[in-house]
Amino acid sequence: MCSFRFRWLTCCGVNSLGKHILNVQAAIRSPCCRQWFDCAECHAEKEDHPLTKTTEMAFLCKKCKKAFRKDMTRFEESDEYCPHCDNHFVIDAKTPQRVIEFETEDLRVDARGLRDERQRNLDTSDIDAFVDQLG
C-alpha cells in the first residue's frame, strides 16, 4: 500500500476557506515547487518564483481530502467534479469585498436600525416654512 504525505502550504490552511477566493473547493499542486496552494495568488505571496504552467494539474478536494489529477487539454463538464466524492469544485469564485455592516436586533421588534438619525425631523405643519427649508 502506497502512503502519501502531503506538505500543506496553503494561504489559510487545509480545512479553512481561502484568502483570495472565499469558496475554494480544491487545492492545486504547484508543478514548480510541488506544494499545495488554494490559488495562483497564494503561490505568488508565499514563493519567490513564478508559477509554471502545465497541462496536467493535481488537485486536492477540500471535502474528502483526496488527491486526483486532471488533463486540462481534455477538460470536460464531468471533470468539474471530484472523482472520489462528487464535490463540484469548478464554481464561480467569490472574492472578498469590503462591506459596511451593522448588527441590530430583529427589525420586526426594533426598527431603529433602519432610520437615519442624522436627518432631523422637519415640521410639515407650516407649508411655507417647509418649502423654504427644501430650497
Foldseek 3Di string as FASTA:
>chain_A
DDDDDADADEPPDLQAAHQFFRPAFKWWQQPPPRHTYSDLVRCVVPDDDHGDDDQKIWIAGSPPRDIDIDRNVPDDPQNQADPPPRHRRPDDTDGDDDDDDDDDDPCVVPVPVVDDPVDDDDDPPDVVVVVVVVD
